[in-house]
Amino acid sequence: MIKVRGFNKNFYKLTVLNGIDIVVERGQVLAIIGPSGSGRSSFLRCLYFLEQPDKVVLKEKACSIIRSKPEPNNS
C-alpha cells in the first residue's frame, strides 16, 4: 500500500499540485490522467523522489516518510 497525504509541489510562485491525497492498495491498478500541464509527471517524479516535493506525507507499508521544504527566510 502507498498512502500520500497533503502533497504539494510549487515551481517558483506557481502551485502545480496542492493538497493531493491518494491511497493505492497492493495489486491495485491506477491511471493518472489529465490535460497537458496538469501535474501528472510532476506527481510521479516527486512520488519516486526524482524531484523534491514541497510537502508530503508518504506511507509505504510500515514505513513513513515526511518531507517538507523549509519556509524561505524573508529577512
C-alpha atoms as a PDB file:
ATOM      1  CA  MET A   1       0.000   0.000   0.000  1.00  0.00           C
ATOM      2  CA  ILE A   2       1.087   3.531  -0.739  1.00  0.00           C
ATOM      3  CA  LYS A   3      -0.660   6.392   1.027  1.00  0.00           C
ATOM      4  CA  VAL A   4       0.015  10.038   0.159  1.00  0.00           C
ATOM      5  CA  ARG A   5      -1.399  12.938   2.184  1.00  0.00           C
ATOM      6  CA  GLY A   6      -1.115  16.677   1.701  1.00  0.00           C
ATOM      7  CA  PHE A   7       1.088  16.510  -1.393  1.00  0.00           C
ATOM      8  CA  ASN A   8       2.217  19.966  -2.587  1.00  0.00           C
ATOM      9  CA  LYS A   9       4.566  20.993  -5.394  1.00  0.00           C
ATOM     10  CA  ASN A  10       5.440  24.515  -6.493  1.00  0.00           C
ATOM     11  CA  PHE A  11       7.672  25.812  -9.242  1.00  0.00           C
ATOM     12  CA  TYR A  12       8.736  29.255  -8.086  1.00  0.00           C
ATOM     13  CA  LYS A  13       5.417  31.017  -7.330  1.00  0.00           C
ATOM     14  CA  LEU A  14       3.293  28.639  -9.452  1.00  0.00           C
ATOM     15  CA  THR A  15       1.482  25.927  -7.479  1.00  0.00           C
ATOM     16  CA  VAL A  16       1.166  22.852  -9.699  1.00  0.00           C
ATOM     17  CA  LEU A  17      -0.069  20.345  -7.080  1.00  0.00           C
ATOM     18  CA  ASN A  18      -1.918  21.358  -3.939  1.00  0.00           C
ATOM     19  CA  GLY A  19      -3.134  19.041  -1.178  1.00  0.00           C
ATOM     20  CA  ILE A  20      -3.212  15.769  -3.133  1.00  0.00           C
ATOM     21  CA  ASP A  21      -4.407  12.767  -1.092  1.00  0.00           C
ATOM     22  CA  ILE A  22      -4.339   9.235  -2.560  1.00  0.00           C
ATOM     23  CA  VAL A  23      -4.267   5.618  -1.352  1.00  0.00           C
ATOM     24  CA  VAL A  24      -3.159   2.799  -3.661  1.00  0.00           C
ATOM     25  CA  GLU A  25      -3.693  -0.691  -2.284  1.00  0.00           C
ATOM     26  CA  ARG A  26      -1.370  -3.582  -3.093  1.00  0.00           C
ATOM     27  CA  GLY A  27      -2.278  -5.028  -6.516  1.00  0.00           C
ATOM     28  CA  GLN A  28      -4.477  -2.061  -7.437  1.00  0.00           C
ATOM     29  CA  VAL A  29      -4.021  -0.603 -10.923  1.00  0.00           C
ATOM     30  CA  LEU A  30      -4.189   3.177 -11.155  1.00  0.00           C
ATOM     31  CA  ALA A  31      -4.195   5.562 -14.125  1.00  0.00           C
ATOM     32  CA  ILE A  32      -3.306   9.222 -13.705  1.00  0.00           C
ATOM     33  CA  ILE A  33      -4.947  11.270 -16.448  1.00  0.00           C
ATOM     34  CA  GLY A  34      -5.318  14.960 -17.199  1.00  0.00           C
ATOM     35  CA  PRO A  35      -4.513  17.650 -19.745  1.00  0.00           C
ATOM     36  CA  SER A  36      -1.035  18.839 -20.590  1.00  0.00           C
ATOM     37  CA  GLY A  37       0.445  20.821 -17.717  1.00  0.00           C
ATOM     38  CA  SER A  38      -1.881  19.378 -15.062  1.00  0.00           C
ATOM     39  CA  GLY A  39       0.979  17.951 -12.947  1.00  0.00           C
ATOM     40  CA  ARG A  40       0.817  14.221 -13.774  1.00  0.00           C
ATOM     41  CA  SER A  41       4.560  13.880 -14.440  1.00  0.00           C
ATOM     42  CA  SER A  42       5.467  16.164 -11.540  1.00  0.00           C
ATOM     43  CA  PHE A  43       3.401  13.996  -9.190  1.00  0.00           C
ATOM     44  CA  LEU A  44       5.093  10.779 -10.331  1.00  0.00           C
ATOM     45  CA  ARG A  45       8.583  12.306 -10.298  1.00  0.00           C
ATOM     46  CA  CYS A  46       8.055  13.534  -6.726  1.00  0.00           C
ATOM     47  CA  LEU A  47       6.492  10.247  -5.648  1.00  0.00           C
ATOM     48  CA  TYR A  48       9.749   8.496  -6.588  1.00  0.00           C
ATOM     49  CA  PHE A  49      11.814  11.439  -5.227  1.00  0.00           C
ATOM     50  CA  LEU A  50      13.295  12.272  -8.636  1.00  0.00           C
ATOM     51  CA  GLU A  51      12.185  15.809  -7.745  1.00  0.00           C
ATOM     52  CA  GLN A  52      11.815  17.261  -4.270  1.00  0.00           C
ATOM     53  CA  PRO A  53       8.177  17.710  -3.210  1.00  0.00           C
ATOM     54  CA  ASP A  54       7.460  20.858  -1.199  1.00  0.00           C
ATOM     55  CA  LYS A  55       5.349  18.968   1.339  1.00  0.00           C
ATOM     56  CA  VAL A  56       4.235  15.337   1.544  1.00  0.00           C
ATOM     57  CA  VAL A  57       3.455  12.570   3.998  1.00  0.00           C
ATOM     58  CA  LEU A  58       4.133   9.268   2.251  1.00  0.00           C
ATOM     59  CA  LYS A  59       3.440   5.897   3.833  1.00  0.00           C
ATOM     60  CA  GLU A  60       4.555   2.688   2.173  1.00  0.00           C
ATOM     61  CA  LYS A  61       3.639  -0.459   4.096  1.00  0.00           C
ATOM     62  CA  ALA A  62       5.005   0.199   7.599  1.00  0.00           C
ATOM     63  CA  CYS A  63       7.463   2.926   6.555  1.00  0.00           C
ATOM     64  CA  SER A  64       6.561   6.609   6.844  1.00  0.00           C
ATOM     65  CA  ILE A  65       8.375   9.419   5.079  1.00  0.00           C
ATOM     66  CA  ILE A  66       7.566  13.028   5.913  1.00  0.00           C
ATOM     67  CA  ARG A  67       9.178  15.692   3.780  1.00  0.00           C
ATOM     68  CA  SER A  68       8.682  19.408   3.883  1.00  0.00           C
ATOM     69  CA  LYS A  69      10.839  22.165   2.455  1.00  0.00           C
ATOM     70  CA  PRO A  70      11.839  24.781   4.990  1.00  0.00           C
ATOM     71  CA  GLU A  71       9.961  28.042   4.679  1.00  0.00           C
ATOM     72  CA  PRO A  72      12.051  30.777   2.995  1.00  0.00           C
ATOM     73  CA  ASN A  73      13.576  33.333   5.342  1.00  0.00           C
ATOM     74  CA  ASN A  74      12.384  36.752   4.166  1.00  0.00           C
ATOM     75  CA  SER A  75      14.634  38.735   6.490  1.00  0.00           C
END
